[in-house]
Amino acid sequence: MIRKNLFATLGGIIAVGAVIGLLAPLLQKLGNPANMGICVACFERDIAGAIGLHRAAVVQYLRPEILGFVLGSLVAALLFREFKPSGGSAPMTRFVLGIIAMISALIFLGCPWRAILRLAGGDGNAILGIAGLAAGIWIGTLFFKKGYNLGRSYKQSAATGLMLPLIMLGLLTLRLMYPPLEGADKTGILFYSLQGPGASYAPLWISLTIGLGIGFLAQRSRFCTMGAIRDLILFRQLHLMAGLLALLVVAFVVNMFFGQFNPGFEGQPVAHTLHFWNFGGMLVAGLAFALAGGCPGRQLFMSGEGNSDAAVFVLGMIVGAALAHNWGLASSPAGLGAHGAAAAIIGLLVCLSIGFANLKKA
């Protein structure tokens, strides 16, 4: 029996980052949108559209990768006895942070994973996004140093811990029951895009298999983009950052191999060139991720471990995606949404309020 967690070693986290860096451009090659082989925020946004929470016609597809992330993590947690249902740590606050995180990520047009993949694909606008992400996490570390804490979580029932994995299993069942049909924007109860990013996707079983694999590996390694930057700022630790850098380097090499590297700022796929808002959107998103304790990918993996606090954050992100598109908050390649600037400012103020309100004095 294997007892030592090799994926938690330095070599292990580098290997996991490299695998993600290999598979994400491969998914793009097989049909996923350009510079969007994997994007947790974009894919949860597409899921929100697929189940009718918003009706933005170009971003509606029930992404199997997200379902696989949670279910793969669940399998790993069960196999290695790390399925430990817990929750009750400020769930409403985490729900609000999830909403803010998603809206802010959609102002930039991508999560931290996509920011790295955009850079690996040559999109210079990602540099502003990554700088904003780091700035937001740095602000979060200032709260940590002052004693920021959302309170302890408590042991919960297995049924509670299984709620989000079961929701993902239910969504997978719907995807199998109602597959996309040629020329149809709706099959059964699921909506589909006929054009735009939502109409670009890799074959179901490949996407699902890759999602399951990444979910398994990320659960074992604790891969987290927010944690990588946080640990570097707070503790000068490079462990998680090594995985992040491996992802960037391997994705760059694979993109070069597939001819998917297109350097520059203008004309990048599903991106805009508003540098201030690329930075500002990810600053707010980074602060929200920091205050919630993990990047959007890590929140999915923790949900698979039975962490219902993380599951609440995930649901907040899906609701945030619906609000972003229903209220004109999300950006597009044409620029900022009608109310995107106001949303970013309000999101920043709410995050700062949450930070100050949850400082615990010694």
Protein backbone atom coordinates (compact mmCIF):
# COMPACT_ATOMS: atom_id res chain seq x y z
CA MET A 1 0.00 0.00 0.00
CA ILE A 2 1.25 3.46 -0.91
CA ARG A 3 1.33 5.73 2.10
CA LYS A 4 3.72 8.52 1.14
CA ASN A 5 2.05 11.19 -0.95
CA LEU A 6 4.56 11.63 -3.77
CA PHE A 7 2.46 14.35 -5.38
CA ALA A 8 2.96 16.56 -2.33
CA THR A 9 6.73 16.60 -2.86
CA LEU A 10 8.51 19.27 -4.88
CA GLY A 11 8.92 16.85 -7.76
CA GLY A 12 5.27 15.88 -7.46
CA ILE A 13 3.89 19.42 -7.65
CA ILE A 14 6.15 20.18 -10.61
CA ALA A 15 4.89 17.05 -12.34
CA VAL A 16 1.26 18.00 -11.71
CA GLY A 17 1.85 21.51 -13.06
CA ALA A 18 3.56 20.04 -16.11
CA VAL A 19 0.68 17.63 -16.74
CA ILE A 20 -1.85 20.47 -16.60
CA GLY A 21 0.41 22.52 -18.87
CA LEU A 22 0.41 19.64 -21.34
CA LEU A 23 -3.29 18.82 -21.23
CA ALA A 24 -4.74 22.34 -21.41
CA PRO A 25 -3.22 23.21 -24.82
CA LEU A 26 -4.10 19.70 -25.96
CA LEU A 27 -7.76 20.36 -25.10
CA GLN A 28 -7.50 23.56 -27.14
CA LYS A 29 -6.09 21.58 -30.03
CA LEU A 30 -8.99 19.11 -29.72
CA GLY A 31 -11.67 21.79 -29.81
CA ASN A 32 -11.77 23.95 -26.67
CA PRO A 33 -11.60 27.75 -27.23
CA ALA A 34 -8.25 29.38 -28.01
CA ASN A 35 -6.12 30.16 -24.95
CA MET A 36 -8.92 28.51 -22.96
CA GLY A 37 -8.00 24.85 -22.85
CA ILE A 38 -8.99 25.06 -19.20
CA CYS A 39 -10.56 28.04 -17.43
CA VAL A 40 -12.49 27.43 -14.23
CA ALA A 41 -14.27 30.79 -14.33
CA CYS A 42 -15.15 30.60 -18.04
CA PHE A 43 -16.25 26.99 -17.81
CA GLU A 44 -18.46 27.61 -14.76
CA ARG A 45 -19.89 30.58 -16.68
CA ASP A 46 -20.64 28.22 -19.58
CA ILE A 47 -22.32 25.77 -17.20
CA ALA A 48 -24.49 28.59 -15.83
CA GLY A 49 -25.56 29.30 -19.40
CA ALA A 50 -26.17 25.64 -20.21
CA ILE A 51 -28.65 25.27 -17.35
CA GLY A 52 -30.38 28.53 -18.18
CA LEU A 53 -29.16 30.80 -15.39
CA HIS A 54 -28.18 33.33 -18.05
CA ARG A 55 -28.99 33.54 -21.76
CA ALA A 56 -25.77 34.86 -23.28
CA ALA A 57 -26.01 32.80 -26.46
CA VAL A 58 -22.28 32.48 -27.09
CA VAL A 59 -21.33 30.99 -23.69
CA GLN A 60 -23.62 28.04 -23.07
CA TYR A 61 -22.09 24.59 -22.70
CA LEU A 62 -22.03 22.11 -19.83
CA ARG A 63 -18.27 21.73 -19.52
CA PRO A 64 -17.25 18.17 -18.56
CA GLU A 65 -13.86 19.34 -17.26
CA ILE A 66 -15.44 21.09 -14.26
CA LEU A 67 -17.55 18.04 -13.41
CA GLY A 68 -14.42 15.90 -13.69
CA PHE A 69 -12.42 18.17 -11.39
CA VAL A 70 -14.86 17.61 -8.52
CA LEU A 71 -15.47 13.93 -9.16
CA GLY A 72 -11.78 13.17 -9.69
CA SER A 73 -10.95 14.90 -6.45
CA LEU A 74 -13.70 12.90 -4.71
CA VAL A 75 -12.23 9.63 -5.95
CA ALA A 76 -8.75 10.59 -4.74
CA ALA A 77 -10.09 11.74 -1.37
CA LEU A 78 -12.01 8.48 -0.89
CA LEU A 79 -9.09 6.29 -1.96
CA PHE A 80 -6.63 8.01 0.37
CA ARG A 81 -9.05 8.53 3.26
CA GLU A 82 -9.06 12.30 2.89
CA PHE A 83 -12.80 12.66 2.38
CA LYS A 84 -13.58 14.60 5.54
CA PRO A 85 -16.90 16.45 5.37
CA SER A 86 -16.72 19.82 7.05
CA GLY A 87 -18.25 23.27 6.81
CA GLY A 88 -20.04 26.03 8.64
CA SER A 89 -17.29 28.65 8.37
CA ALA A 90 -19.12 31.82 7.30
CA PRO A 91 -20.98 30.21 4.36
CA MET A 92 -22.83 33.38 3.33
CA THR A 93 -19.59 35.36 3.28
CA ARG A 94 -17.98 32.69 1.11
CA PHE A 95 -21.01 32.75 -1.19
CA VAL A 96 -20.64 36.51 -1.65
CA LEU A 97 -16.89 36.16 -2.20
CA GLY A 98 -17.63 33.57 -4.90
CA ILE A 99 -19.98 35.98 -6.65
CA ILE A 100 -17.42 38.79 -6.52
CA ALA A 101 -14.61 36.50 -7.64
CA MET A 102 -16.54 35.37 -10.71
CA ILE A 103 -17.71 38.83 -11.75
CA SER A 104 -14.18 40.21 -11.37
CA ALA A 105 -12.64 37.30 -13.28
CA LEU A 106 -15.10 37.91 -16.11
CA ILE A 107 -14.02 41.55 -16.25
CA PHE A 108 -10.53 40.25 -17.03
CA LEU A 109 -11.98 37.29 -18.99
CA GLY A 110 -10.40 34.38 -17.21
CA CYS A 111 -9.43 32.73 -13.93
CA PRO A 112 -5.81 32.45 -12.70
CA TRP A 113 -5.39 29.23 -14.70
CA ARG A 114 -6.49 30.97 -17.89
CA ALA A 115 -4.28 33.96 -17.13
CA ILE A 116 -1.29 31.60 -17.15
CA LEU A 117 -2.53 29.82 -20.28
CA ARG A 118 -3.17 33.14 -22.05
CA LEU A 119 0.41 34.16 -21.30
CA ALA A 120 1.67 30.79 -22.52
CA GLY A 121 -0.26 31.41 -25.73
CA GLY A 122 1.41 34.80 -26.25
CA ASP A 123 -1.38 37.08 -24.96
CA GLY A 124 0.45 40.07 -23.45
CA ASN A 125 -2.75 41.30 -21.80
CA ALA A 126 -2.39 38.39 -19.39
CA ILE A 127 0.64 40.10 -17.86
CA LEU A 128 -1.66 42.82 -16.51
CA GLY A 129 -4.09 40.22 -15.23
CA ILE A 130 -1.40 38.22 -13.45
CA ALA A 131 0.02 41.42 -11.93
CA GLY A 132 -3.46 42.33 -10.69
CA LEU A 133 -3.95 38.83 -9.30
CA ALA A 134 -0.69 39.09 -7.35
CA ALA A 135 -1.64 42.54 -6.08
CA GLY A 136 -5.02 41.31 -4.86
CA ILE A 137 -3.47 38.33 -3.08
CA TRP A 138 -0.86 40.67 -1.54
CA ILE A 139 -3.69 42.77 -0.08
CA GLY A 140 -5.17 39.55 1.25
CA THR A 141 -1.90 38.70 3.00
CA LEU A 142 -2.06 42.06 4.82
CA PHE A 143 -5.37 40.94 6.30
CA PHE A 144 -3.85 37.56 7.21
CA LYS A 145 -1.08 39.30 9.13
CA LYS A 146 -3.69 41.25 11.07
CA GLY A 147 -5.53 38.08 12.08
CA TYR A 148 -8.16 37.72 9.34
CA ASN A 149 -10.19 34.58 9.89
CA LEU A 150 -13.64 33.47 8.74
CA GLY A 151 -14.00 31.19 11.74
CA ARG A 152 -13.61 27.49 12.26
CA SER A 153 -15.38 24.83 10.29
CA TYR A 154 -17.10 21.85 11.85
CA LYS A 155 -17.40 18.18 11.06
CA GLN A 156 -20.46 17.47 8.96
CA SER A 157 -22.25 14.40 7.69
CA ALA A 158 -21.06 12.47 4.68
CA ALA A 159 -24.31 13.37 2.94
CA THR A 160 -23.53 17.06 3.33
CA GLY A 161 -19.99 16.60 2.08
CA LEU A 162 -21.29 14.77 -0.98
CA MET A 163 -23.74 17.48 -2.04
CA LEU A 164 -21.59 19.23 -4.65
CA PRO A 165 -20.13 16.00 -6.08
CA LEU A 166 -23.70 14.70 -6.42
CA ILE A 167 -24.75 17.91 -8.15
CA MET A 168 -21.85 17.44 -10.57
CA LEU A 169 -22.86 13.82 -11.11
CA GLY A 170 -26.41 14.99 -11.83
CA LEU A 171 -25.14 17.53 -14.35
CA LEU A 172 -23.09 14.81 -16.04
CA THR A 173 -26.22 12.68 -16.29
CA LEU A 174 -28.04 15.59 -17.94
CA ARG A 175 -25.15 16.02 -20.38
CA LEU A 176 -25.41 12.35 -21.35
CA MET A 177 -29.21 12.50 -21.65
CA TYR A 178 -29.27 15.69 -23.69
CA PRO A 179 -26.18 15.86 -25.96
CA PRO A 180 -25.68 18.76 -28.38
CA LEU A 181 -27.44 18.31 -31.72
CA GLU A 182 -26.34 19.85 -35.01
CA GLY A 183 -27.92 23.29 -35.41
CA ALA A 184 -29.97 23.12 -32.19
CA ASP A 185 -29.53 25.69 -29.43
CA LYS A 186 -31.40 23.54 -26.92
CA THR A 187 -31.61 19.82 -26.30
CA GLY A 188 -34.01 18.73 -23.59
CA ILE A 189 -33.43 21.19 -20.77
CA LEU A 190 -29.85 22.12 -21.68
CA PHE A 191 -28.90 25.17 -23.73
CA TYR A 192 -26.08 25.11 -26.28
CA SER A 193 -24.16 27.80 -28.13
CA LEU A 194 -24.14 27.68 -31.91
CA GLN A 195 -21.26 30.13 -32.17
CA GLY A 196 -18.64 31.78 -29.96
CA PRO A 197 -16.58 30.16 -27.17
CA GLY A 198 -19.50 28.03 -26.01
CA ALA A 199 -19.64 26.30 -29.37
CA SER A 200 -15.99 25.25 -29.14
CA TYR A 201 -15.37 22.10 -27.17
CA ALA A 202 -13.29 18.96 -27.18
CA PRO A 203 -15.00 15.54 -27.37
CA LEU A 204 -16.97 14.72 -24.22
CA TRP A 205 -15.09 11.66 -23.09
CA ILE A 206 -11.69 13.25 -23.61
CA SER A 207 -12.71 16.36 -21.66
CA LEU A 208 -14.23 14.31 -18.88
CA THR A 209 -11.25 11.95 -18.63
CA ILE A 210 -8.80 14.86 -18.49
CA GLY A 211 -10.99 16.59 -15.91
CA LEU A 212 -11.08 13.46 -13.75
CA GLY A 213 -7.32 13.05 -14.03
CA ILE A 214 -6.55 16.64 -13.13
CA GLY A 215 -9.04 16.52 -10.26
CA PHE A 216 -7.30 13.42 -8.91
CA LEU A 217 -3.79 14.87 -9.24
CA ALA A 218 -4.69 18.30 -7.93
CA GLN A 219 -6.36 16.81 -4.84
CA ARG A 220 -3.25 14.80 -4.07
CA SER A 221 -0.84 17.69 -4.70
CA ARG A 222 -2.97 20.58 -3.28
CA PHE A 223 -2.28 22.50 -6.50
CA CYS A 224 -3.45 26.10 -6.04
CA THR A 225 -2.56 29.23 -7.99
CA MET A 226 -3.64 31.60 -5.21
CA GLY A 227 -1.71 29.54 -2.67
CA ALA A 228 1.40 29.68 -4.85
CA ILE A 229 1.47 33.49 -4.76
CA ARG A 230 0.33 33.72 -1.13
CA ASP A 231 3.03 31.33 0.09
CA LEU A 232 5.69 33.20 -1.84
CA ILE A 233 4.64 36.55 -0.33
CA LEU A 234 4.00 35.36 3.23
CA PHE A 235 6.55 32.61 3.75
CA ARG A 236 8.99 32.94 0.83
CA GLN A 237 8.07 29.35 -0.05
CA LEU A 238 8.38 28.24 -3.68
CA HIS A 239 6.73 24.81 -3.42
CA LEU A 240 3.37 25.63 -5.05
CA MET A 241 4.97 28.29 -7.27
CA ALA A 242 7.18 25.57 -8.78
CA GLY A 243 4.04 23.80 -10.00
CA LEU A 244 2.63 27.02 -11.39
CA LEU A 245 5.84 27.77 -13.28
CA ALA A 246 5.92 24.22 -14.63
CA LEU A 247 2.41 24.73 -15.97
CA LEU A 248 3.47 27.96 -17.71
CA VAL A 249 6.65 26.54 -19.25
CA VAL A 250 5.11 23.29 -20.49
CA ALA A 251 2.01 25.06 -21.86
CA PHE A 252 4.30 27.46 -23.74
CA VAL A 253 6.28 24.58 -25.26
CA VAL A 254 3.13 22.66 -26.23
CA ASN A 255 1.58 25.77 -27.76
CA MET A 256 4.72 26.27 -29.82
CA PHE A 257 4.56 22.64 -30.93
CA PHE A 258 0.91 22.93 -31.99
CA GLY A 259 1.38 26.36 -33.60
CA GLN A 260 -0.91 27.94 -31.00
CA PHE A 261 1.55 30.66 -29.85
CA ASN A 262 0.54 34.11 -31.08
CA PRO A 263 2.48 36.90 -29.31
CA GLY A 264 1.03 40.38 -28.89
CA PHE A 265 -1.70 42.42 -27.26
CA GLU A 266 -4.09 43.06 -30.12
CA GLY A 267 -6.47 40.50 -31.57
CA GLN A 268 -6.00 37.91 -28.84
CA PRO A 269 -8.79 35.33 -28.53
CA VAL A 270 -11.53 36.14 -25.98
CA ALA A 271 -9.55 39.07 -24.56
CA HIS A 272 -9.59 42.86 -24.51
CA THR A 273 -6.77 45.40 -24.30
CA LEU A 274 -8.08 47.60 -21.47
CA HIS A 275 -4.96 47.32 -19.34
CA PHE A 276 -6.33 49.11 -16.28
CA TRP A 277 -9.36 46.82 -16.10
CA ASN A 278 -7.35 43.70 -16.86
CA PHE A 279 -5.29 44.61 -13.82
CA GLY A 280 -8.20 45.87 -11.73
CA GLY A 281 -10.52 42.96 -12.43
CA MET A 282 -7.95 40.40 -11.37
CA LEU A 283 -6.92 42.47 -8.37
CA VAL A 284 -10.45 42.16 -7.00
CA ALA A 285 -10.64 38.51 -7.99
CA GLY A 286 -7.30 37.79 -6.33
CA LEU A 287 -8.42 39.45 -3.11
CA ALA A 288 -11.65 37.43 -3.14
CA PHE A 289 -9.73 34.19 -3.72
CA ALA A 290 -7.35 35.04 -0.88
CA LEU A 291 -10.13 35.88 1.58
CA ALA A 292 -11.94 32.64 0.66
CA GLY A 293 -8.77 30.54 1.04
CA GLY A 294 -8.16 29.22 -2.46
CA CYS A 295 -8.23 29.79 -6.21
CA PRO A 296 -11.34 28.65 -8.13
CA GLY A 297 -9.68 25.38 -9.08
CA ARG A 298 -8.68 24.62 -5.49
CA GLN A 299 -12.24 25.38 -4.35
CA LEU A 300 -13.49 22.66 -6.72
CA PHE A 301 -10.92 20.17 -5.46
CA MET A 302 -11.73 20.92 -1.81
CA SER A 303 -15.41 20.43 -2.63
CA GLY A 304 -14.53 16.92 -3.76
CA GLU A 305 -12.93 16.34 -0.35
CA GLY A 306 -16.27 17.10 1.31
CA ASN A 307 -15.57 20.74 2.17
CA SER A 308 -19.00 22.36 1.94
CA ASP A 309 -17.53 25.84 2.56
CA ALA A 310 -15.63 25.47 -0.71
CA ALA A 311 -18.80 24.13 -2.35
CA VAL A 312 -20.68 27.25 -1.28
CA PHE A 313 -17.95 29.38 -2.89
CA VAL A 314 -18.31 27.37 -6.12
CA LEU A 315 -22.07 27.92 -6.15
CA GLY A 316 -21.42 31.61 -5.53
CA MET A 317 -19.21 31.69 -8.61
CA ILE A 318 -21.89 30.06 -10.76
CA VAL A 319 -24.48 32.57 -9.53
CA GLY A 320 -21.93 35.34 -10.11
CA ALA A 321 -21.58 34.22 -13.72
CA ALA A 322 -25.33 34.51 -14.21
CA LEU A 323 -25.38 38.00 -12.69
CA ALA A 324 -22.37 39.07 -14.75
CA HIS A 325 -24.14 38.29 -18.01
CA ASN A 326 -27.69 39.21 -17.02
CA TRP A 327 -26.61 42.62 -15.68
CA GLY A 328 -23.98 43.58 -18.26
CA LEU A 329 -21.02 43.20 -15.90
CA ALA A 330 -18.89 40.77 -17.95
CA SER A 331 -16.37 42.03 -20.48
CA SER A 332 -16.10 40.84 -24.05
CA PRO A 333 -13.42 41.23 -26.74
CA ALA A 334 -15.18 44.55 -27.53
CA GLY A 335 -14.33 45.87 -24.06
CA LEU A 336 -15.82 46.37 -20.64
CA GLY A 337 -19.44 45.49 -19.89
CA ALA A 338 -21.88 48.38 -19.44
CA HIS A 339 -21.68 48.13 -15.66
CA GLY A 340 -18.36 46.34 -15.33
CA ALA A 341 -16.48 49.28 -13.82
CA ALA A 342 -19.12 49.81 -11.13
CA ALA A 343 -19.12 46.09 -10.35
CA ALA A 344 -15.34 46.05 -9.88
CA ILE A 345 -15.40 49.04 -7.54
CA ILE A 346 -18.29 47.65 -5.48
CA GLY A 347 -16.61 44.24 -5.39
CA LEU A 348 -13.40 45.78 -4.07
CA LEU A 349 -15.26 47.71 -1.37
CA VAL A 350 -17.19 44.61 -0.30
CA CYS A 351 -13.99 42.52 -0.14
CA LEU A 352 -12.25 45.16 1.96
CA SER A 353 -15.26 45.33 4.26
CA ILE A 354 -15.23 41.56 4.67
CA GLY A 355 -11.52 41.71 5.43
CA PHE A 356 -11.81 44.36 8.11
CA ALA A 357 -14.97 42.84 9.61
CA ASN A 358 -13.27 39.48 10.16
CA LEU A 359 -10.06 40.58 11.85
CA LYS A 360 -9.63 38.59 15.05
CA LYS A 361 -7.81 40.38 17.80
CA ALA A 362 -5.38 38.32 19.86
